[in-house]
Amino acid sequence: MSVLKTFRESVCAGALIALGGSVFLGAENRTAGAVLFALALLCISYKGYYLYTGKVCYLRVHTLRSVGLMLLCGLSGNLLTVWLLGRLVCLAVPTLGLRAETLCAAKLEQSLLQTFLRGVFCGNLVYLAVSIFKENGSPLPILYAVPAFILSGFEHSIADLFYFSAASVPGETVLGFMAAVIIGNTLGGLALPLLMPKEET
């Protein structure tokens, strides 16, 4: 896969995460919003777009040298897209920005350790959802796993940056938070496959 193709697919994935985040912010019922957000990851999976949290799970299958650049490119495309769309959503629908402010204020009250651990648990669920979908094409793991990590308060790095952008939170304020959740998502996504024998992946 070329770097340009990876970046294009990561932009598409970021756009879908931003749409899912917008729906979640706009939903009057938190559970309904979480369920509808799952459609974003479902569409990403069916279309084969490049979402960092779904791709990093397979890091051990290949050498770091062969996929490291792609992962960095994909993460950059995801984050750049959700940041830009977060600003546009705030401009287009100010009420969503206000709701994002409330959501983000609660996130920033967490310690970095809490954020990291919530990122790990989210990574676990994303790995399970994506890997089972990849094995048998069933959408059910995605439709259950996404609401599960949202309603549990676990942290998804790409979605989080969308919320921070929509809330107009300064970048320097969220730098530590984002680093903690990205590392958590990465380790959480790798944890379960690393516990399995290599030949089973």
N, C-alpha and C. Protein backbone atom coordinates (compact mmCIF):
# COMPACT_ATOMS: atom_id res chain seq x y z
N MET A 1 0.84 -1.19 0.00
CA MET A 1 0.00 0.00 0.00
C MET A 1 0.88 1.24 0.00
N SER A 2 0.61 2.19 -0.87
CA SER A 2 1.41 3.40 -0.95
C SER A 2 1.05 4.36 0.18
N VAL A 3 1.99 5.25 0.46
CA VAL A 3 1.76 6.25 1.50
C VAL A 3 0.58 7.15 1.12
N LEU A 4 0.50 7.52 -0.16
CA LEU A 4 -0.59 8.39 -0.61
C LEU A 4 -1.94 7.70 -0.46
N LYS A 5 -2.00 6.44 -0.81
CA LYS A 5 -3.26 5.69 -0.68
C LYS A 5 -3.66 5.57 0.79
N THR A 6 -2.67 5.30 1.64
CA THR A 6 -2.94 5.22 3.07
C THR A 6 -3.49 6.54 3.60
N PHE A 7 -2.87 7.64 3.18
CA PHE A 7 -3.33 8.95 3.65
C PHE A 7 -4.75 9.22 3.19
N ARG A 8 -5.04 8.93 1.93
CA ARG A 8 -6.39 9.16 1.42
C ARG A 8 -7.41 8.34 2.21
N GLU A 9 -7.09 7.08 2.47
CA GLU A 9 -8.03 6.22 3.21
C GLU A 9 -8.16 6.68 4.65
N SER A 10 -7.08 7.23 5.22
CA SER A 10 -7.15 7.72 6.60
C SER A 10 -8.00 8.98 6.69
N VAL A 11 -7.98 9.79 5.65
CA VAL A 11 -8.84 10.97 5.61
C VAL A 11 -10.30 10.54 5.56
N CYS A 12 -10.60 9.53 4.74
CA CYS A 12 -11.97 9.02 4.66
C CYS A 12 -12.43 8.47 6.01
N ALA A 13 -11.55 7.72 6.67
CA ALA A 13 -11.90 7.17 7.99
C ALA A 13 -12.12 8.29 9.00
N GLY A 14 -11.25 9.30 8.98
CA GLY A 14 -11.41 10.42 9.89
C GLY A 14 -12.72 11.15 9.67
N ALA A 15 -13.11 11.28 8.41
CA ALA A 15 -14.38 11.95 8.10
C ALA A 15 -15.56 11.18 8.68
N LEU A 16 -15.50 9.86 8.61
CA LEU A 16 -16.60 9.05 9.16
C LEU A 16 -16.62 9.11 10.68
N ILE A 17 -15.45 9.14 11.31
CA ILE A 17 -15.41 9.29 12.77
C ILE A 17 -15.99 10.65 13.17
N ALA A 18 -15.69 11.68 12.41
CA ALA A 18 -16.24 13.01 12.69
C ALA A 18 -17.77 13.01 12.55
N LEU A 19 -18.27 12.31 11.54
CA LEU A 19 -19.72 12.21 11.39
C LEU A 19 -20.33 11.45 12.56
N GLY A 20 -19.69 10.35 12.95
CA GLY A 20 -20.18 9.59 14.09
C GLY A 20 -20.17 10.42 15.36
N GLY A 21 -19.10 11.19 15.56
CA GLY A 21 -19.01 12.04 16.74
C GLY A 21 -20.07 13.13 16.74
N SER A 22 -20.36 13.66 15.56
CA SER A 22 -21.41 14.68 15.44
C SER A 22 -22.77 14.12 15.82
N VAL A 23 -23.04 12.91 15.34
CA VAL A 23 -24.32 12.26 15.68
C VAL A 23 -24.41 12.02 17.18
N PHE A 24 -23.29 11.57 17.77
CA PHE A 24 -23.29 11.32 19.22
C PHE A 24 -23.55 12.60 20.00
N LEU A 25 -22.90 13.69 19.60
CA LEU A 25 -23.11 14.97 20.28
C LEU A 25 -24.54 15.47 20.11
N GLY A 26 -25.14 15.19 18.96
CA GLY A 26 -26.47 15.70 18.69
C GLY A 26 -27.60 14.86 19.26
N ALA A 27 -27.29 13.63 19.67
CA ALA A 27 -28.33 12.73 20.16
C ALA A 27 -28.80 13.15 21.56
N GLU A 28 -30.10 13.20 21.74
CA GLU A 28 -30.64 13.54 23.06
C GLU A 28 -30.44 12.40 24.05
N ASN A 29 -30.42 11.19 23.52
CA ASN A 29 -30.21 10.00 24.35
C ASN A 29 -28.80 9.48 24.13
N ARG A 30 -28.03 9.36 25.22
CA ARG A 30 -26.62 8.97 25.11
C ARG A 30 -26.46 7.57 24.54
N THR A 31 -27.33 6.66 24.93
CA THR A 31 -27.24 5.29 24.44
C THR A 31 -27.52 5.23 22.94
N ALA A 32 -28.56 5.94 22.52
CA ALA A 32 -28.88 5.98 21.09
C ALA A 32 -27.72 6.59 20.30
N GLY A 33 -27.10 7.63 20.85
CA GLY A 33 -25.97 8.26 20.18
C GLY A 33 -24.80 7.30 20.04
N ALA A 34 -24.54 6.51 21.08
CA ALA A 34 -23.44 5.55 21.05
C ALA A 34 -23.69 4.46 20.01
N VAL A 35 -24.93 4.01 19.92
CA VAL A 35 -25.29 2.98 18.93
C VAL A 35 -25.12 3.54 17.52
N LEU A 36 -25.57 4.76 17.29
CA LEU A 36 -25.45 5.36 15.97
C LEU A 36 -24.00 5.63 15.60
N PHE A 37 -23.17 5.94 16.60
CA PHE A 37 -21.75 6.15 16.33
C PHE A 37 -21.13 4.89 15.75
N ALA A 38 -21.63 3.72 16.16
CA ALA A 38 -21.08 2.46 15.68
C ALA A 38 -21.16 2.34 14.16
N LEU A 39 -22.10 3.04 13.55
CA LEU A 39 -22.23 2.99 12.09
C LEU A 39 -20.98 3.54 11.41
N ALA A 40 -20.30 4.47 12.06
CA ALA A 40 -19.08 5.03 11.48
C ALA A 40 -18.02 3.95 11.32
N LEU A 41 -17.76 3.20 12.40
CA LEU A 41 -16.75 2.14 12.34
C LEU A 41 -17.19 1.01 11.41
N LEU A 42 -18.49 0.76 11.38
CA LEU A 42 -19.01 -0.27 10.48
C LEU A 42 -18.75 0.10 9.02
N CYS A 43 -19.02 1.35 8.67
CA CYS A 43 -18.78 1.81 7.30
C CYS A 43 -17.28 1.80 6.98
N ILE A 44 -16.45 2.19 7.94
CA ILE A 44 -15.00 2.16 7.74
C ILE A 44 -14.54 0.74 7.45
N SER A 45 -15.08 -0.23 8.18
CA SER A 45 -14.69 -1.62 8.00
C SER A 45 -15.14 -2.17 6.65
N TYR A 46 -16.36 -1.88 6.27
CA TYR A 46 -16.86 -2.38 4.98
C TYR A 46 -16.14 -1.72 3.80
N LYS A 47 -15.81 -0.44 3.94
CA LYS A 47 -15.15 0.26 2.84
C LYS A 47 -13.64 0.03 2.83
N GLY A 48 -13.10 -0.50 3.94
CA GLY A 48 -11.66 -0.75 4.00
C GLY A 48 -10.83 0.50 4.22
N TYR A 49 -11.41 1.53 4.83
CA TYR A 49 -10.66 2.76 5.09
C TYR A 49 -9.64 2.54 6.21
N TYR A 50 -8.71 3.46 6.33
CA TYR A 50 -7.57 3.29 7.23
C TYR A 50 -7.80 4.05 8.55
N LEU A 51 -8.20 3.32 9.57
CA LEU A 51 -8.37 3.88 10.91
C LEU A 51 -7.26 3.34 11.80
N TYR A 52 -6.48 4.22 12.37
CA TYR A 52 -5.31 3.81 13.15
C TYR A 52 -5.62 2.76 14.19
N THR A 53 -6.68 2.98 14.96
CA THR A 53 -6.98 2.07 16.07
C THR A 53 -7.35 0.66 15.59
N GLY A 54 -7.80 0.54 14.35
CA GLY A 54 -8.10 -0.78 13.81
C GLY A 54 -6.91 -1.43 13.15
N LYS A 55 -5.95 -0.63 12.68
CA LYS A 55 -4.78 -1.16 11.97
C LYS A 55 -3.63 -1.52 12.89
N VAL A 56 -3.47 -0.78 13.99
CA VAL A 56 -2.32 -1.01 14.86
C VAL A 56 -2.37 -2.40 15.51
N CYS A 57 -3.57 -3.00 15.56
CA CYS A 57 -3.72 -4.34 16.16
C CYS A 57 -2.89 -5.39 15.43
N TYR A 58 -2.57 -5.13 14.17
CA TYR A 58 -1.87 -6.12 13.35
C TYR A 58 -0.39 -5.81 13.20
N LEU A 59 0.13 -4.95 14.06
CA LEU A 59 1.53 -4.56 13.98
C LEU A 59 2.46 -5.76 14.08
N ARG A 60 2.16 -6.72 14.93
CA ARG A 60 3.07 -7.85 15.14
C ARG A 60 3.08 -8.82 13.97
N VAL A 61 2.09 -8.75 13.10
CA VAL A 61 2.04 -9.66 11.98
C VAL A 61 3.11 -9.31 10.96
N HIS A 62 3.49 -8.06 10.89
CA HIS A 62 4.50 -7.59 9.96
C HIS A 62 5.65 -6.98 10.75
N THR A 63 6.72 -6.65 10.10
CA THR A 63 7.81 -5.98 10.78
C THR A 63 7.45 -4.52 10.96
N LEU A 64 8.00 -3.92 12.00
CA LEU A 64 7.73 -2.50 12.26
C LEU A 64 8.20 -1.65 11.08
N ARG A 65 9.30 -2.06 10.46
CA ARG A 65 9.84 -1.28 9.35
C ARG A 65 8.84 -1.20 8.20
N SER A 66 8.12 -2.29 7.96
CA SER A 66 7.22 -2.32 6.79
C SER A 66 5.90 -1.59 7.04
N VAL A 67 5.48 -1.49 8.28
CA VAL A 67 4.17 -0.86 8.55
C VAL A 67 4.26 0.41 9.38
N GLY A 68 5.42 0.68 9.96
CA GLY A 68 5.54 1.84 10.83
C GLY A 68 5.21 3.15 10.14
N LEU A 69 5.71 3.33 8.92
CA LEU A 69 5.44 4.55 8.18
C LEU A 69 3.96 4.66 7.84
N MET A 70 3.35 3.53 7.48
CA MET A 70 1.92 3.54 7.15
C MET A 70 1.08 3.89 8.37
N LEU A 71 1.45 3.34 9.54
CA LEU A 71 0.71 3.65 10.76
C LEU A 71 0.82 5.13 11.10
N LEU A 72 2.01 5.69 10.97
CA LEU A 72 2.21 7.10 11.25
C LEU A 72 1.42 7.96 10.27
N CYS A 73 1.45 7.56 9.00
CA CYS A 73 0.71 8.30 7.97
C CYS A 73 -0.79 8.21 8.25
N GLY A 74 -1.27 7.01 8.58
CA GLY A 74 -2.68 6.82 8.86
C GLY A 74 -3.15 7.60 10.07
N LEU A 75 -2.34 7.56 11.13
CA LEU A 75 -2.69 8.31 12.35
C LEU A 75 -2.73 9.81 12.05
N SER A 76 -1.76 10.29 11.30
CA SER A 76 -1.71 11.71 10.97
C SER A 76 -2.93 12.13 10.15
N GLY A 77 -3.30 11.30 9.17
CA GLY A 77 -4.47 11.60 8.36
C GLY A 77 -5.75 11.59 9.16
N ASN A 78 -5.88 10.61 10.05
CA ASN A 78 -7.05 10.54 10.93
C ASN A 78 -7.17 11.79 11.78
N LEU A 79 -6.07 12.15 12.45
CA LEU A 79 -6.10 13.26 13.40
C LEU A 79 -6.30 14.60 12.69
N LEU A 80 -5.61 14.80 11.59
CA LEU A 80 -5.76 16.05 10.85
C LEU A 80 -7.20 16.24 10.38
N THR A 81 -7.81 15.16 9.90
CA THR A 81 -9.18 15.24 9.37
C THR A 81 -10.18 15.56 10.46
N VAL A 82 -10.10 14.84 11.59
CA VAL A 82 -11.09 15.08 12.65
C VAL A 82 -10.90 16.46 13.27
N TRP A 83 -9.65 16.93 13.34
CA TRP A 83 -9.43 18.28 13.87
C TRP A 83 -10.08 19.32 12.97
N LEU A 84 -9.86 19.19 11.66
CA LEU A 84 -10.43 20.16 10.72
C LEU A 84 -11.96 20.10 10.73
N LEU A 85 -12.50 18.90 10.70
CA LEU A 85 -13.96 18.76 10.68
C LEU A 85 -14.58 19.18 12.00
N GLY A 86 -13.86 19.00 13.09
CA GLY A 86 -14.35 19.48 14.38
C GLY A 86 -14.55 20.99 14.37
N ARG A 87 -13.61 21.70 13.77
CA ARG A 87 -13.74 23.15 13.67
C ARG A 87 -14.94 23.53 12.79
N LEU A 88 -15.11 22.81 11.69
CA LEU A 88 -16.21 23.12 10.78
C LEU A 88 -17.57 22.80 11.40
N VAL A 89 -17.65 21.69 12.13
CA VAL A 89 -18.90 21.31 12.79
C VAL A 89 -19.28 22.36 13.82
N CYS A 90 -18.30 22.83 14.59
CA CYS A 90 -18.54 23.87 15.59
C CYS A 90 -19.09 25.13 14.93
N LEU A 91 -18.56 25.46 13.76
CA LEU A 91 -19.02 26.64 13.02
C LEU A 91 -20.42 26.43 12.46
N ALA A 92 -20.67 25.23 11.92
CA ALA A 92 -21.95 24.95 11.27
C ALA A 92 -23.09 24.76 12.26
N VAL A 93 -22.80 24.07 13.36
CA VAL A 93 -23.83 23.76 14.35
C VAL A 93 -23.28 24.10 15.74
N PRO A 94 -23.36 25.36 16.15
CA PRO A 94 -22.77 25.79 17.42
C PRO A 94 -23.24 24.99 18.64
N THR A 95 -24.47 24.48 18.60
CA THR A 95 -24.95 23.71 19.76
C THR A 95 -24.13 22.44 19.97
N LEU A 96 -23.62 21.86 18.89
CA LEU A 96 -22.76 20.68 19.02
C LEU A 96 -21.44 21.05 19.69
N GLY A 97 -20.95 22.25 19.37
CA GLY A 97 -19.74 22.72 20.02
C GLY A 97 -19.93 22.90 21.52
N LEU A 98 -21.09 23.40 21.91
CA LEU A 98 -21.39 23.58 23.34
C LEU A 98 -21.46 22.23 24.06
N ARG A 99 -22.06 21.25 23.40
CA ARG A 99 -22.12 19.92 24.01
C ARG A 99 -20.74 19.29 24.09
N ALA A 100 -19.93 19.57 23.09
CA ALA A 100 -18.56 19.05 23.10
C ALA A 100 -17.76 19.67 24.26
N GLU A 101 -18.03 20.93 24.56
CA GLU A 101 -17.33 21.59 25.67
C GLU A 101 -17.60 20.87 26.99
N THR A 102 -18.85 20.49 27.22
CA THR A 102 -19.20 19.78 28.45
C THR A 102 -18.51 18.42 28.50
N LEU A 103 -18.54 17.72 27.39
CA LEU A 103 -17.91 16.40 27.31
C LEU A 103 -16.41 16.50 27.55
N CYS A 104 -15.77 17.48 26.93
CA CYS A 104 -14.31 17.61 27.02
C CYS A 104 -13.86 18.08 28.40
N ALA A 105 -14.67 18.91 29.05
CA ALA A 105 -14.33 19.37 30.40
C ALA A 105 -14.21 18.17 31.34
N ALA A 106 -15.10 17.21 31.20
CA ALA A 106 -15.06 16.01 32.04
C ALA A 106 -13.82 15.16 31.71
N LYS A 107 -13.48 15.07 30.44
CA LYS A 107 -12.31 14.29 30.03
C LYS A 107 -11.03 14.88 30.62
N LEU A 108 -10.93 16.18 30.63
CA LEU A 108 -9.71 16.84 31.09
C LEU A 108 -9.56 16.81 32.61
N GLU A 109 -10.61 16.39 33.30
CA GLU A 109 -10.50 16.22 34.75
C GLU A 109 -9.85 14.90 35.13
N GLN A 110 -9.72 13.99 34.18
CA GLN A 110 -9.10 12.69 34.43
C GLN A 110 -7.58 12.86 34.62
N SER A 111 -6.99 11.96 35.37
CA SER A 111 -5.53 11.91 35.43
C SER A 111 -5.03 11.24 34.15
N LEU A 112 -3.75 11.42 33.85
CA LEU A 112 -3.18 10.80 32.66
C LEU A 112 -3.22 9.27 32.78
N LEU A 113 -3.07 8.76 33.99
CA LEU A 113 -3.15 7.31 34.17
C LEU A 113 -4.55 6.80 33.85
N GLN A 114 -5.56 7.51 34.32
CA GLN A 114 -6.94 7.12 34.00
C GLN A 114 -7.17 7.16 32.49
N THR A 115 -6.68 8.20 31.85
CA THR A 115 -6.85 8.34 30.41
C THR A 115 -6.16 7.21 29.68
N PHE A 116 -4.94 6.90 30.09
CA PHE A 116 -4.18 5.80 29.48
C PHE A 116 -4.93 4.47 29.61
N LEU A 117 -5.41 4.16 30.82
CA LEU A 117 -6.10 2.90 31.04
C LEU A 117 -7.41 2.83 30.25
N ARG A 118 -8.11 3.94 30.16
CA ARG A 118 -9.34 3.97 29.38
C ARG A 118 -9.02 3.77 27.90
N GLY A 119 -7.87 4.26 27.48
CA GLY A 119 -7.43 4.03 26.10
C GLY A 119 -7.10 2.57 25.85
N VAL A 120 -6.49 1.92 26.83
CA VAL A 120 -6.17 0.49 26.70
C VAL A 120 -7.44 -0.33 26.54
N PHE A 121 -8.43 -0.07 27.39
CA PHE A 121 -9.68 -0.85 27.32
C PHE A 121 -10.40 -0.61 25.99
N CYS A 122 -10.35 0.62 25.51
CA CYS A 122 -10.95 0.91 24.21
C CYS A 122 -10.22 0.13 23.12
N GLY A 123 -8.89 0.11 23.19
CA GLY A 123 -8.10 -0.63 22.22
C GLY A 123 -8.43 -2.11 22.20
N ASN A 124 -8.67 -2.68 23.38
CA ASN A 124 -9.09 -4.09 23.46
C ASN A 124 -10.37 -4.33 22.68
N LEU A 125 -11.35 -3.46 22.90
CA LEU A 125 -12.66 -3.63 22.26
C LEU A 125 -12.59 -3.40 20.75
N VAL A 126 -11.81 -2.42 20.34
CA VAL A 126 -11.67 -2.17 18.90
C VAL A 126 -11.00 -3.37 18.23
N TYR A 127 -9.96 -3.92 18.86
CA TYR A 127 -9.31 -5.10 18.29
C TYR A 127 -10.31 -6.25 18.12
N LEU A 128 -11.09 -6.52 19.15
CA LEU A 128 -12.06 -7.62 19.07
C LEU A 128 -13.08 -7.37 17.96
N ALA A 129 -13.58 -6.16 17.89
CA ALA A 129 -14.58 -5.84 16.88
C ALA A 129 -14.02 -5.99 15.47
N VAL A 130 -12.85 -5.41 15.24
CA VAL A 130 -12.26 -5.42 13.90
C VAL A 130 -11.79 -6.80 13.50
N SER A 131 -11.18 -7.53 14.42
CA SER A 131 -10.65 -8.85 14.08
C SER A 131 -11.77 -9.85 13.79
N ILE A 132 -12.84 -9.81 14.56
CA ILE A 132 -13.95 -10.73 14.30
C ILE A 132 -14.65 -10.36 13.00
N PHE A 133 -14.79 -9.07 12.74
CA PHE A 133 -15.36 -8.64 11.45
C PHE A 133 -14.50 -9.14 10.30
N LYS A 134 -13.19 -9.04 10.46
CA LYS A 134 -12.27 -9.45 9.40
C LYS A 134 -12.34 -10.96 9.17
N GLU A 135 -12.59 -11.71 10.24
CA GLU A 135 -12.64 -13.17 10.12
C GLU A 135 -13.91 -13.67 9.47
N ASN A 136 -15.06 -13.11 9.82
CA ASN A 136 -16.31 -13.67 9.30
C ASN A 136 -17.28 -12.65 8.71
N GLY A 137 -16.90 -11.37 8.70
CA GLY A 137 -17.74 -10.36 8.08
C GLY A 137 -18.98 -9.97 8.87
N SER A 138 -19.09 -10.45 10.10
CA SER A 138 -20.26 -10.12 10.91
C SER A 138 -20.16 -8.69 11.44
N PRO A 139 -21.21 -7.90 11.28
CA PRO A 139 -21.18 -6.53 11.80
C PRO A 139 -21.48 -6.46 13.30
N LEU A 140 -21.97 -7.54 13.88
CA LEU A 140 -22.43 -7.50 15.27
C LEU A 140 -21.35 -7.10 16.28
N PRO A 141 -20.10 -7.62 16.15
CA PRO A 141 -19.08 -7.18 17.13
C PRO A 141 -18.86 -5.68 17.11
N ILE A 142 -18.91 -5.07 15.93
CA ILE A 142 -18.73 -3.63 15.85
C ILE A 142 -19.93 -2.91 16.45
N LEU A 143 -21.12 -3.39 16.15
CA LEU A 143 -22.34 -2.74 16.64
C LEU A 143 -22.47 -2.83 18.15
N TYR A 144 -21.81 -3.83 18.76
CA TYR A 144 -21.82 -3.95 20.22
C TYR A 144 -20.60 -3.29 20.86
N ALA A 145 -19.43 -3.45 20.24
CA ALA A 145 -18.19 -2.98 20.87
C ALA A 145 -18.12 -1.46 20.95
N VAL A 146 -18.56 -0.77 19.90
CA VAL A 146 -18.46 0.69 19.90
C VAL A 146 -19.34 1.32 20.99
N PRO A 147 -20.64 0.96 21.07
CA PRO A 147 -21.42 1.49 22.20
C PRO A 147 -20.85 1.08 23.54
N ALA A 148 -20.25 -0.12 23.60
CA ALA A 148 -19.67 -0.57 24.87
C ALA A 148 -18.56 0.34 25.34
N PHE A 149 -17.64 0.72 24.44
CA PHE A 149 -16.54 1.57 24.92
C PHE A 149 -16.99 3.00 25.14
N ILE A 150 -17.98 3.46 24.39
CA ILE A 150 -18.48 4.82 24.61
C ILE A 150 -19.22 4.92 25.94
N LEU A 151 -20.12 3.99 26.18
CA LEU A 151 -20.94 4.05 27.40
C LEU A 151 -20.12 3.72 28.65
N SER A 152 -19.01 3.02 28.47
CA SER A 152 -18.13 2.72 29.60
C SER A 152 -17.21 3.88 29.95
N GLY A 153 -17.15 4.87 29.07
CA GLY A 153 -16.26 6.00 29.31
C GLY A 153 -14.84 5.76 28.87
N PHE A 154 -14.62 4.71 28.05
CA PHE A 154 -13.28 4.45 27.53
C PHE A 154 -12.95 5.48 26.44
N GLU A 155 -11.66 5.64 26.16
CA GLU A 155 -11.22 6.73 25.29
C GLU A 155 -10.71 6.24 23.93
N HIS A 156 -11.23 6.84 22.88
CA HIS A 156 -10.81 6.56 21.51
C HIS A 156 -10.10 7.82 20.98
N SER A 157 -8.83 7.69 20.66
CA SER A 157 -8.01 8.86 20.35
C SER A 157 -8.55 9.70 19.19
N ILE A 158 -9.01 9.05 18.12
CA ILE A 158 -9.45 9.81 16.96
C ILE A 158 -10.75 10.57 17.27
N ALA A 159 -11.68 9.89 17.92
CA ALA A 159 -12.93 10.54 18.30
C ALA A 159 -12.67 11.66 19.30
N ASP A 160 -11.75 11.43 20.24
CA ASP A 160 -11.47 12.45 21.25
C ASP A 160 -10.97 13.75 20.64
N LEU A 161 -10.08 13.65 19.64
CA LEU A 161 -9.59 14.89 19.05
C LEU A 161 -10.70 15.63 18.31
N PHE A 162 -11.63 14.89 17.73
CA PHE A 162 -12.78 15.55 17.11
C PHE A 162 -13.55 16.35 18.16
N TYR A 163 -13.81 15.74 19.32
CA TYR A 163 -14.55 16.45 20.37
C TYR A 163 -13.80 17.68 20.86
N PHE A 164 -12.48 17.54 21.05
CA PHE A 164 -11.69 18.69 21.51
C PHE A 164 -11.69 19.81 20.49
N SER A 165 -11.61 19.45 19.22
CA SER A 165 -11.64 20.46 18.17
C SER A 165 -13.00 21.15 18.10
N ALA A 166 -14.07 20.37 18.19
CA ALA A 166 -15.42 20.94 18.16
C ALA A 166 -15.65 21.86 19.36
N ALA A 167 -14.98 21.55 20.47
CA ALA A 167 -15.12 22.35 21.69
C ALA A 167 -14.15 23.54 21.72
N SER A 168 -13.33 23.65 20.68
CA SER A 168 -12.34 24.74 20.58
C SER A 168 -11.35 24.73 21.74
N VAL A 169 -10.98 23.54 22.20
CA VAL A 169 -9.98 23.42 23.26
C VAL A 169 -8.59 23.61 22.65
N PRO A 170 -7.75 24.48 23.21
CA PRO A 170 -6.41 24.72 22.65
C PRO A 170 -5.57 23.45 22.59
N GLY A 171 -4.77 23.32 21.55
CA GLY A 171 -3.97 22.13 21.35
C GLY A 171 -3.04 21.81 22.50
N GLU A 172 -2.40 22.86 23.08
CA GLU A 172 -1.46 22.61 24.16
C GLU A 172 -2.15 22.05 25.40
N THR A 173 -3.44 22.32 25.54
CA THR A 173 -4.20 21.82 26.69
C THR A 173 -4.42 20.31 26.60
N VAL A 174 -4.53 19.79 25.40
CA VAL A 174 -4.89 18.37 25.22
C VAL A 174 -3.71 17.51 24.82
N LEU A 175 -2.51 18.08 24.73
CA LEU A 175 -1.36 17.32 24.24
C LEU A 175 -1.08 16.10 25.10
N GLY A 176 -1.03 16.28 26.42
CA GLY A 176 -0.77 15.15 27.32
C GLY A 176 -1.88 14.12 27.26
N PHE A 177 -3.13 14.60 27.24
CA PHE A 177 -4.28 13.70 27.15
C PHE A 177 -4.19 12.86 25.89
N MET A 178 -3.95 13.50 24.76
CA MET A 178 -3.92 12.78 23.49
C MET A 178 -2.77 11.78 23.44
N ALA A 179 -1.61 12.15 23.97
CA ALA A 179 -0.49 11.21 24.00
C ALA A 179 -0.84 9.98 24.83
N ALA A 180 -1.48 10.20 25.97
CA ALA A 180 -1.84 9.08 26.84
C ALA A 180 -2.85 8.15 26.19
N VAL A 181 -3.84 8.71 25.51
CA VAL A 181 -4.87 7.86 24.93
C VAL A 181 -4.38 7.16 23.66
N ILE A 182 -3.51 7.80 22.89
CA ILE A 182 -2.94 7.14 21.71
C ILE A 182 -2.08 5.95 22.14
N ILE A 183 -1.24 6.16 23.15
CA ILE A 183 -0.42 5.05 23.65
C ILE A 183 -1.32 3.95 24.21
N GLY A 184 -2.37 4.34 24.94
CA GLY A 184 -3.30 3.35 25.48
C GLY A 184 -4.01 2.56 24.40
N ASN A 185 -4.52 3.26 23.39
CA ASN A 185 -5.17 2.57 22.27
C ASN A 185 -4.21 1.61 21.59
N THR A 186 -2.96 2.03 21.41
CA THR A 186 -1.96 1.20 20.74
C THR A 186 -1.69 -0.07 21.54
N LEU A 187 -1.39 0.09 22.82
CA LEU A 187 -1.09 -1.07 23.66
C LEU A 187 -2.32 -1.96 23.84
N GLY A 188 -3.50 -1.35 23.96
CA GLY A 188 -4.73 -2.12 24.10
C GLY A 188 -5.03 -2.92 22.84
N GLY A 189 -4.76 -2.32 21.68
CA GLY A 189 -4.98 -3.04 20.44
C GLY A 189 -4.02 -4.19 20.23
N LEU A 190 -2.81 -4.06 20.80
CA LEU A 190 -1.79 -5.11 20.63
C LEU A 190 -1.86 -6.19 21.70
N ALA A 191 -2.46 -5.89 22.84
CA ALA A 191 -2.39 -6.79 24.00
C ALA A 191 -2.93 -8.18 23.71
N LEU A 192 -4.16 -8.27 23.20
CA LEU A 192 -4.77 -9.58 22.99
C LEU A 192 -4.07 -10.39 21.90
N PRO A 193 -3.75 -9.81 20.74
CA PRO A 193 -3.04 -10.61 19.74
C PRO A 193 -1.65 -11.04 20.20
N LEU A 194 -0.99 -10.24 21.04
CA LEU A 194 0.34 -10.63 21.53
C LEU A 194 0.27 -11.82 22.48
N LEU A 195 -0.90 -12.02 23.10
CA LEU A 195 -1.05 -13.15 24.00
C LEU A 195 -1.36 -14.45 23.25
N MET A 196 -1.62 -14.34 21.96
CA MET A 196 -1.96 -15.51 21.16
C MET A 196 -0.69 -16.03 20.47
N PRO A 197 -0.63 -17.34 20.22
CA PRO A 197 0.50 -17.88 19.45
C PRO A 197 0.57 -17.22 18.08
N LYS A 198 1.79 -17.02 17.59
CA LYS A 198 1.99 -16.28 16.36
C LYS A 198 1.24 -16.89 15.18
N GLU A 199 1.20 -18.21 15.12
CA GLU A 199 0.58 -18.86 13.97
C GLU A 199 -0.93 -18.68 13.93
N GLU A 200 -1.53 -18.21 15.05
CA GLU A 200 -2.98 -18.04 15.09
C GLU A 200 -3.43 -16.66 14.61
N THR A 201 -2.49 -15.74 14.39
CA THR A 201 -2.89 -14.40 13.98
C THR A 201 -3.06 -14.32 12.48
